C-alpha cells in the first residue's frame, strides 16, 4: 500500500501545473493565518480530479497515507477518491468510508478539503439516518468541524430538505470565525434557491444579530434593492 501511495505522490509532483504561491493566494498560509499549517506544491483542482479518476480503487490504507500528508493537494486527492468510492460503494463500503472520514477529521483542515467532501460523505451518509452528529460538529471547538457541520447539509439542500441547514445555521450565528460566517451564508443562499420563503423567514428573525459577512452571502442572489434593504443598519 505504501508503494502505491508513494507512486501516486510522485505522479502528483510530475503533474505540477502552477506555482505554490499562486494556489496559496486563496488560503491564509502566512504566520497566524488559518492555514499556517498547510503546504502546497502547485497542482490545480482539475488536474487533481483527473488523477482521482485514475486511482478510484485505491484502498483505505493507501488513502490514509495521503490524508495524513502535510501537502494539501495530497489530502485533497485522497478526499476526492473517497467521495467517488462512497458514491459507488455498497452499504458496507459506505459505512467504512464514513467511519474512516470521521476518524480522520483532523486531516480535513482547510476550506477546500471541507467543501469538496463534507456533503458527499457526511451529508450523504446521514441523509436517511439520525443527524444529531451534525449538532456535535456544530458545537465543536475545532473550527473545521463546525464548517463541516453546515457544508454537510448541502447534500440535504440539493434534495429539497432544508430544515437542518437552518437548524445548524442558527447554532453558528454567534461563531467568531469569518470562515464559518462565509460557509453558513453560502448554505443559506443555496437553501434560498430551493425555498426563498424559508430563507426570508430565517432572515427576518436573525438579520439583526447575524454577522455581516454571513448576511451578505445569504442575500447574494436577491434583487439589488432587496439586498440594500437588508444591509441598511437601523438606528438604535
C-alpha atoms as a PDB file:
ATOM      1  CA  UNK A   1       0.000   0.000   0.000  1.00  0.00           C
ATOM      2  CA  UNK A   2       2.831   2.360   0.856  1.00  0.00           C
ATOM      3  CA  UNK A   3       4.434   1.800  -2.548  1.00  0.00           C
ATOM      4  CA  UNK A   4       1.138   2.605  -4.281  1.00  0.00           C
ATOM      5  CA  UNK A   5       0.712   5.767  -2.262  1.00  0.00           C
ATOM      6  CA  UNK A   6       4.308   6.819  -2.922  1.00  0.00           C
ATOM      7  CA  UNK A   7       3.857   6.192  -6.649  1.00  0.00           C
ATOM      8  CA  UNK A   8       0.793   8.443  -6.635  1.00  0.00           C
ATOM      9  CA  UNK A   9       2.687  11.110  -4.703  1.00  0.00           C
ATOM     10  CA  UNK A  10       5.419  11.021  -7.336  1.00  0.00           C
ATOM     11  CA  UNK A  11       2.847  11.256 -10.108  1.00  0.00           C
ATOM     12  CA  UNK A  12       1.318  14.223  -8.317  1.00  0.00           C
ATOM     13  CA  UNK A  13       4.657  16.023  -8.349  1.00  0.00           C
ATOM     14  CA  UNK A  14       5.045  15.287 -12.035  1.00  0.00           C
ATOM     15  CA  UNK A  15       1.637  16.929 -12.556  1.00  0.00           C
ATOM     16  CA  UNK A  16       2.540  20.327 -11.095  1.00  0.00           C
ATOM     17  CA  UNK A  17       0.887  22.901 -13.352  1.00  0.00           C
ATOM     18  CA  UNK A  18       1.219  26.142 -11.395  1.00  0.00           C
ATOM     19  CA  UNK A  19       3.277  27.639  -8.601  1.00  0.00           C
ATOM     20  CA  UNK A  20       2.578  27.028  -4.917  1.00  0.00           C
ATOM     21  CA  UNK A  21       2.346  30.788  -4.450  1.00  0.00           C
ATOM     22  CA  UNK A  22      -0.470  31.133  -6.980  1.00  0.00           C
ATOM     23  CA  UNK A  23      -2.540  28.472  -5.252  1.00  0.00           C
ATOM     24  CA  UNK A  24      -1.718  29.622  -1.729  1.00  0.00           C
ATOM     25  CA  UNK A  25      -3.073  33.067  -2.649  1.00  0.00           C
ATOM     26  CA  UNK A  26      -6.548  31.659  -1.917  1.00  0.00           C
ATOM     27  CA  UNK A  27      -5.501  30.486   1.561  1.00  0.00           C
ATOM     28  CA  UNK A  28      -4.058  32.286   4.560  1.00  0.00           C
ATOM     29  CA  UNK A  29      -0.867  30.261   4.873  1.00  0.00           C
ATOM     30  CA  UNK A  30       1.173  33.018   6.485  1.00  0.00           C
ATOM     31  CA  UNK A  31       2.116  33.129  10.154  1.00  0.00           C
ATOM     32  CA  UNK A  32      -1.055  33.386  12.234  1.00  0.00           C
ATOM     33  CA  UNK A  33      -3.320  32.505   9.293  1.00  0.00           C
ATOM     34  CA  UNK A  34      -5.967  29.808   9.475  1.00  0.00           C
ATOM     35  CA  UNK A  35      -3.895  27.689   7.038  1.00  0.00           C
ATOM     36  CA  UNK A  36      -0.489  28.410   8.547  1.00  0.00           C
ATOM     37  CA  UNK A  37      -0.016  24.657   8.854  1.00  0.00           C
ATOM     38  CA  UNK A  38      -0.670  23.940   5.195  1.00  0.00           C
ATOM     39  CA  UNK A  39       1.706  23.388   2.295  1.00  0.00           C
ATOM     40  CA  UNK A  40       1.045  23.434  -1.449  1.00  0.00           C
ATOM     41  CA  UNK A  41       3.151  22.074  -4.287  1.00  0.00           C
ATOM     42  CA  UNK A  42       1.219  23.682  -7.162  1.00  0.00           C
ATOM     43  CA  UNK A  43      -1.341  21.293  -8.682  1.00  0.00           C
ATOM     44  CA  UNK A  44      -4.654  22.721  -9.861  1.00  0.00           C
ATOM     45  CA  UNK A  45      -8.026  21.204  -8.952  1.00  0.00           C
ATOM     46  CA  UNK A  46      -8.911  19.953 -12.497  1.00  0.00           C
ATOM     47  CA  UNK A  47      -5.623  18.035 -12.570  1.00  0.00           C
ATOM     48  CA  UNK A  48      -6.299  16.564  -9.132  1.00  0.00           C
ATOM     49  CA  UNK A  49      -9.779  15.440 -10.166  1.00  0.00           C
ATOM     50  CA  UNK A  50      -8.361  13.805 -13.284  1.00  0.00           C
ATOM     51  CA  UNK A  51      -5.794  11.924 -11.203  1.00  0.00           C
ATOM     52  CA  UNK A  52      -8.514  10.851  -8.771  1.00  0.00           C
ATOM     53  CA  UNK A  53     -10.469   9.176 -11.574  1.00  0.00           C
ATOM     54  CA  UNK A  54      -7.388   7.109 -12.424  1.00  0.00           C
ATOM     55  CA  UNK A  55      -6.958   5.895  -8.834  1.00  0.00           C
ATOM     56  CA  UNK A  56     -10.569   5.367  -7.733  1.00  0.00           C
ATOM     57  CA  UNK A  57      -9.862   1.890  -6.382  1.00  0.00           C
ATOM     58  CA  UNK A  58      -7.061   2.950  -4.034  1.00  0.00           C
ATOM     59  CA  UNK A  59      -7.588   1.123  -0.691  1.00  0.00           C
ATOM     60  CA  UNK A  60      -8.120   2.934   2.598  1.00  0.00           C
ATOM     61  CA  UNK A  61      -4.617   2.081   3.860  1.00  0.00           C
ATOM     62  CA  UNK A  62      -3.084   3.943   0.932  1.00  0.00           C
ATOM     63  CA  UNK A  63      -5.578   6.785   1.217  1.00  0.00           C
ATOM     64  CA  UNK A  64      -4.632   7.120   4.886  1.00  0.00           C
ATOM     65  CA  UNK A  65      -1.047   7.842   3.846  1.00  0.00           C
ATOM     66  CA  UNK A  66      -2.245  10.602   1.548  1.00  0.00           C
ATOM     67  CA  UNK A  67      -4.718  12.018   4.054  1.00  0.00           C
ATOM     68  CA  UNK A  68      -2.080  12.359   6.770  1.00  0.00           C
ATOM     69  CA  UNK A  69       0.292  14.234   4.450  1.00  0.00           C
ATOM     70  CA  UNK A  70       1.250  17.862   5.187  1.00  0.00           C
ATOM     71  CA  UNK A  71       0.697  18.561   1.465  1.00  0.00           C
ATOM     72  CA  UNK A  72      -2.761  19.994   0.810  1.00  0.00           C
ATOM     73  CA  UNK A  73      -3.044  18.532  -2.688  1.00  0.00           C
ATOM     74  CA  UNK A  74      -2.372  15.026  -1.371  1.00  0.00           C
ATOM     75  CA  UNK A  75      -5.117  15.336   1.229  1.00  0.00           C
ATOM     76  CA  UNK A  76      -7.470  16.840  -1.370  1.00  0.00           C
ATOM     77  CA  UNK A  77      -6.750  13.961  -3.760  1.00  0.00           C
ATOM     78  CA  UNK A  78      -7.488  11.405  -1.039  1.00  0.00           C
ATOM     79  CA  UNK A  79     -10.819  13.063  -0.250  1.00  0.00           C
ATOM     80  CA  UNK A  80     -11.889  13.188  -3.898  1.00  0.00           C
ATOM     81  CA  UNK A  81     -11.107   9.480  -4.253  1.00  0.00           C
ATOM     82  CA  UNK A  82     -13.001   8.749  -1.033  1.00  0.00           C
ATOM     83  CA  UNK A  83     -16.021  10.686  -2.296  1.00  0.00           C
ATOM     84  CA  UNK A  84     -16.020   8.702  -5.544  1.00  0.00           C
ATOM     85  CA  UNK A  85     -15.732   5.432  -3.649  1.00  0.00           C
ATOM     86  CA  UNK A  86     -18.545   6.391  -1.302  1.00  0.00           C
ATOM     87  CA  UNK A  87     -20.908   7.258  -4.144  1.00  0.00           C
ATOM     88  CA  UNK A  88     -20.304   3.969  -5.955  1.00  0.00           C
ATOM     89  CA  UNK A  89     -19.860   1.732  -2.913  1.00  0.00           C
ATOM     90  CA  UNK A  90     -22.033  -0.903  -1.304  1.00  0.00           C
ATOM     91  CA  UNK A  91     -23.740  -0.178   2.016  1.00  0.00           C
ATOM     92  CA  UNK A  92     -20.841  -1.857   3.797  1.00  0.00           C
ATOM     93  CA  UNK A  93     -18.298   0.213   1.863  1.00  0.00           C
ATOM     94  CA  UNK A  94     -20.207   3.433   2.568  1.00  0.00           C
ATOM     95  CA  UNK A  95     -20.199   2.684   6.288  1.00  0.00           C
ATOM     96  CA  UNK A  96     -16.448   2.026   6.272  1.00  0.00           C
ATOM     97  CA  UNK A  97     -15.710   5.232   4.379  1.00  0.00           C
ATOM     98  CA  UNK A  98     -17.948   7.278   6.668  1.00  0.00           C
ATOM     99  CA  UNK A  99     -16.202   5.911   9.756  1.00  0.00           C
ATOM    100  CA  UNK A 100     -12.800   6.450   8.133  1.00  0.00           C
ATOM    101  CA  UNK A 101     -13.719  10.068   7.378  1.00  0.00           C
ATOM    102  CA  UNK A 102     -14.820  10.711  10.966  1.00  0.00           C
ATOM    103  CA  UNK A 103     -11.682   9.097  12.358  1.00  0.00           C
ATOM    104  CA  UNK A 104      -9.564  11.448  10.244  1.00  0.00           C
ATOM    105  CA  UNK A 105     -11.405  14.747  10.751  1.00  0.00           C
ATOM    106  CA  UNK A 106      -8.210  16.366  11.996  1.00  0.00           C
ATOM    107  CA  UNK A 107      -6.756  15.985   8.481  1.00  0.00           C
ATOM    108  CA  UNK A 108      -9.731  17.759   6.867  1.00  0.00           C
ATOM    109  CA  UNK A 109      -8.378  21.106   7.939  1.00  0.00           C
ATOM    110  CA  UNK A 110      -8.755  23.617   5.162  1.00  0.00           C
ATOM    111  CA  UNK A 111     -11.827  25.044   3.471  1.00  0.00           C
ATOM    112  CA  UNK A 112     -11.142  23.393   0.104  1.00  0.00           C
ATOM    113  CA  UNK A 113     -10.948  19.983   1.803  1.00  0.00           C
ATOM    114  CA  UNK A 114     -14.171  20.504   3.730  1.00  0.00           C
ATOM    115  CA  UNK A 115     -16.095  21.935   0.794  1.00  0.00           C
ATOM    116  CA  UNK A 116     -15.069  19.145  -1.581  1.00  0.00           C
ATOM    117  CA  UNK A 117     -16.079  16.278   0.693  1.00  0.00           C
ATOM    118  CA  UNK A 118     -18.317  17.033   3.695  1.00  0.00           C
ATOM    119  CA  UNK A 119     -21.618  16.954   1.807  1.00  0.00           C
ATOM    120  CA  UNK A 120     -20.612  13.957  -0.301  1.00  0.00           C
ATOM    121  CA  UNK A 121     -19.676  11.754   2.661  1.00  0.00           C
ATOM    122  CA  UNK A 122     -21.092  13.126   5.936  1.00  0.00           C
ATOM    123  CA  UNK A 123     -24.195  14.627   4.317  1.00  0.00           C
ATOM    124  CA  UNK A 124     -24.825  11.661   2.047  1.00  0.00           C
ATOM    125  CA  UNK A 125     -24.403   9.161   4.867  1.00  0.00           C
ATOM    126  CA  UNK A 126     -26.739  10.949   7.268  1.00  0.00           C
ATOM    127  CA  UNK A 127     -29.423  11.571   4.655  1.00  0.00           C
ATOM    128  CA  UNK A 128     -31.595   8.702   5.851  1.00  0.00           C
ATOM    129  CA  UNK A 129     -30.163   8.381   9.376  1.00  0.00           C
ATOM    130  CA  UNK A 130     -30.086  10.171  12.711  1.00  0.00           C
ATOM    131  CA  UNK A 131     -28.498  13.558  12.012  1.00  0.00           C
ATOM    132  CA  UNK A 132     -27.691  14.584  15.574  1.00  0.00           C
ATOM    133  CA  UNK A 133     -23.974  14.106  14.890  1.00  0.00           C
ATOM    134  CA  UNK A 134     -24.156  17.395  12.965  1.00  0.00           C
ATOM    135  CA  UNK A 135     -25.077  19.131  16.226  1.00  0.00           C
ATOM    136  CA  UNK A 136     -21.948  17.691  17.827  1.00  0.00           C
ATOM    137  CA  UNK A 137     -19.833  19.003  14.973  1.00  0.00           C
ATOM    138  CA  UNK A 138     -21.525  22.410  15.074  1.00  0.00           C
ATOM    139  CA  UNK A 139     -20.588  22.845  18.740  1.00  0.00           C
ATOM    140  CA  UNK A 140     -17.024  21.549  18.357  1.00  0.00           C
ATOM    141  CA  UNK A 141     -14.048  23.632  19.465  1.00  0.00           C
ATOM    142  CA  UNK A 142     -12.446  22.801  16.101  1.00  0.00           C
ATOM    143  CA  UNK A 143     -13.383  25.420  13.515  1.00  0.00           C
ATOM    144  CA  UNK A 144     -13.104  22.992  10.598  1.00  0.00           C
ATOM    145  CA  UNK A 145     -15.555  20.601  12.256  1.00  0.00           C
ATOM    146  CA  UNK A 146     -18.031  23.449  12.617  1.00  0.00           C
ATOM    147  CA  UNK A 147     -17.625  24.205   8.915  1.00  0.00           C
ATOM    148  CA  UNK A 148     -18.167  20.517   8.121  1.00  0.00           C
ATOM    149  CA  UNK A 149     -21.448  20.609  10.071  1.00  0.00           C
ATOM    150  CA  UNK A 150     -23.002  23.262   7.824  1.00  0.00           C
ATOM    151  CA  UNK A 151     -21.432  22.241   4.499  1.00  0.00           C
ATOM    152  CA  UNK A 152     -22.628  18.665   5.060  1.00  0.00           C
ATOM    153  CA  UNK A 153     -26.205  19.955   4.788  1.00  0.00           C
ATOM    154  CA  UNK A 154     -25.566  20.888   1.154  1.00  0.00           C
ATOM    155  CA  UNK A 155     -26.438  17.278   0.342  1.00  0.00           C
ATOM    156  CA  UNK A 156     -29.834  17.773   2.004  1.00  0.00           C
ATOM    157  CA  UNK A 157     -30.391  21.123   0.291  1.00  0.00           C
ATOM    158  CA  UNK A 158     -29.902  19.606  -3.140  1.00  0.00           C
ATOM    159  CA  UNK A 159     -32.704  17.187  -2.309  1.00  0.00           C
ATOM    160  CA  UNK A 160     -35.062  19.866  -1.039  1.00  0.00           C
ATOM    161  CA  UNK A 161     -34.621  19.126   2.674  1.00  0.00           C
ATOM    162  CA  UNK A 162     -33.744  22.461   4.284  1.00  0.00           C
ATOM    163  CA  UNK A 163     -34.584  22.038   7.968  1.00  0.00           C
ATOM    164  CA  UNK A 164     -31.130  21.030   9.111  1.00  0.00           C
ATOM    165  CA  UNK A 165     -29.427  23.831   7.206  1.00  0.00           C
ATOM    166  CA  UNK A 166     -31.455  26.387   9.126  1.00  0.00           C
ATOM    167  CA  UNK A 167     -31.003  24.469  12.384  1.00  0.00           C
ATOM    168  CA  UNK A 168     -27.205  24.364  12.078  1.00  0.00           C
ATOM    169  CA  UNK A 169     -27.106  27.957  10.807  1.00  0.00           C
ATOM    170  CA  UNK A 170     -28.905  29.115  13.951  1.00  0.00           C
ATOM    171  CA  UNK A 171     -26.341  27.312  16.104  1.00  0.00           C
ATOM    172  CA  UNK A 172     -23.476  29.034  14.303  1.00  0.00           C
ATOM    173  CA  UNK A 173     -24.871  32.577  14.288  1.00  0.00           C
ATOM    174  CA  UNK A 174     -22.549  33.692  17.087  1.00  0.00           C
ATOM    175  CA  UNK A 175     -19.458  31.940  15.753  1.00  0.00           C
ATOM    176  CA  UNK A 176     -16.424  34.221  15.799  1.00  0.00           C
ATOM    177  CA  UNK A 177     -14.658  32.926  12.670  1.00  0.00           C
ATOM    178  CA  UNK A 178     -15.071  34.536   9.262  1.00  0.00           C
ATOM    179  CA  UNK A 179     -14.814  31.169   7.511  1.00  0.00           C
ATOM    180  CA  UNK A 180     -17.881  29.999   9.400  1.00  0.00           C
ATOM    181  CA  UNK A 181     -19.754  33.199   8.537  1.00  0.00           C
ATOM    182  CA  UNK A 182     -18.993  32.599   4.858  1.00  0.00           C
ATOM    183  CA  UNK A 183     -19.953  28.922   4.854  1.00  0.00           C
ATOM    184  CA  UNK A 184     -23.220  29.496   6.727  1.00  0.00           C
ATOM    185  CA  UNK A 185     -24.146  32.380   4.420  1.00  0.00           C
ATOM    186  CA  UNK A 186     -23.323  30.218   1.413  1.00  0.00           C
ATOM    187  CA  UNK A 187     -25.562  27.363   2.599  1.00  0.00           C
ATOM    188  CA  UNK A 188     -28.369  29.781   3.474  1.00  0.00           C
ATOM    189  CA  UNK A 189     -28.134  31.206  -0.030  1.00  0.00           C
ATOM    190  CA  UNK A 190     -28.364  27.710  -1.536  1.00  0.00           C
ATOM    191  CA  UNK A 191     -31.339  26.912   0.698  1.00  0.00           C
ATOM    192  CA  UNK A 192     -32.992  30.101  -0.552  1.00  0.00           C
ATOM    193  CA  UNK A 193     -32.655  28.890  -4.119  1.00  0.00           C
ATOM    194  CA  UNK A 194     -34.807  25.908  -3.151  1.00  0.00           C
ATOM    195  CA  UNK A 195     -37.295  27.811  -0.982  1.00  0.00           C
ATOM    196  CA  UNK A 196     -36.965  31.579  -0.820  1.00  0.00           C
ATOM    197  CA  UNK A 197     -39.774  31.939   1.707  1.00  0.00           C
ATOM    198  CA  UNK A 198     -37.925  29.852   4.292  1.00  0.00           C
ATOM    199  CA  UNK A 199     -34.788  31.926   3.854  1.00  0.00           C
ATOM    200  CA  UNK A 200     -36.711  35.186   4.156  1.00  0.00           C
ATOM    201  CA  UNK A 201     -38.374  33.948   7.360  1.00  0.00           C
ATOM    202  CA  UNK A 202     -34.991  32.984   8.803  1.00  0.00           C
ATOM    203  CA  UNK A 203     -33.541  36.377   7.896  1.00  0.00           C
ATOM    204  CA  UNK A 204     -36.457  38.255   9.423  1.00  0.00           C
ATOM    205  CA  UNK A 205     -35.751  36.519  12.717  1.00  0.00           C
ATOM    206  CA  UNK A 206     -31.956  36.743  12.717  1.00  0.00           C
ATOM    207  CA  UNK A 207     -30.854  39.543  10.373  1.00  0.00           C
ATOM    208  CA  UNK A 208     -30.146  41.996  13.200  1.00  0.00           C
ATOM    209  CA  UNK A 209     -27.859  39.557  15.057  1.00  0.00           C
ATOM    210  CA  UNK A 210     -26.318  37.770  12.076  1.00  0.00           C
ATOM    211  CA  UNK A 211     -22.662  38.542  11.264  1.00  0.00           C
ATOM    212  CA  UNK A 212     -22.457  40.979   8.356  1.00  0.00           C
ATOM    213  CA  UNK A 213     -20.472  38.607   6.113  1.00  0.00           C
ATOM    214  CA  UNK A 214     -22.975  35.816   6.698  1.00  0.00           C
ATOM    215  CA  UNK A 215     -25.842  38.104   5.778  1.00  0.00           C
ATOM    216  CA  UNK A 216     -24.113  39.344   2.616  1.00  0.00           C
ATOM    217  CA  UNK A 217     -23.527  35.779   1.420  1.00  0.00           C
ATOM    218  CA  UNK A 218     -27.086  34.726   2.258  1.00  0.00           C
ATOM    219  CA  UNK A 219     -28.711  37.522   0.222  1.00  0.00           C
ATOM    220  CA  UNK A 220     -26.263  37.454  -2.671  1.00  0.00           C
ATOM    221  CA  UNK A 221     -28.925  36.350  -5.182  1.00  0.00           C
ATOM    222  CA  UNK A 222     -31.579  38.819  -4.030  1.00  0.00           C
ATOM    223  CA  UNK A 223     -32.509  41.756  -6.287  1.00  0.00           C
ATOM    224  CA  UNK A 224     -30.308  44.794  -5.617  1.00  0.00           C
ATOM    225  CA  UNK A 225     -32.945  46.873  -3.854  1.00  0.00           C
ATOM    226  CA  UNK A 226     -33.887  43.982  -1.595  1.00  0.00           C
ATOM    227  CA  UNK A 227     -30.232  43.409  -0.726  1.00  0.00           C
ATOM    228  CA  UNK A 228     -29.839  47.064   0.187  1.00  0.00           C
ATOM    229  CA  UNK A 229     -32.869  46.928   2.462  1.00  0.00           C
ATOM    230  CA  UNK A 230     -31.324  44.073   4.447  1.00  0.00           C
ATOM    231  CA  UNK A 231     -27.943  45.792   4.726  1.00  0.00           C
ATOM    232  CA  UNK A 232     -29.222  49.136   5.956  1.00  0.00           C
ATOM    233  CA  UNK A 233     -28.323  49.496   9.605  1.00  0.00           C
ATOM    234  CA  UNK A 234     -31.321  50.530  11.654  1.00  0.00           C
ATOM    235  CA  UNK A 235     -30.774  53.376  14.156  1.00  0.00           C
ATOM    236  CA  UNK A 236     -30.628  52.344  17.794  1.00  0.00           C
END
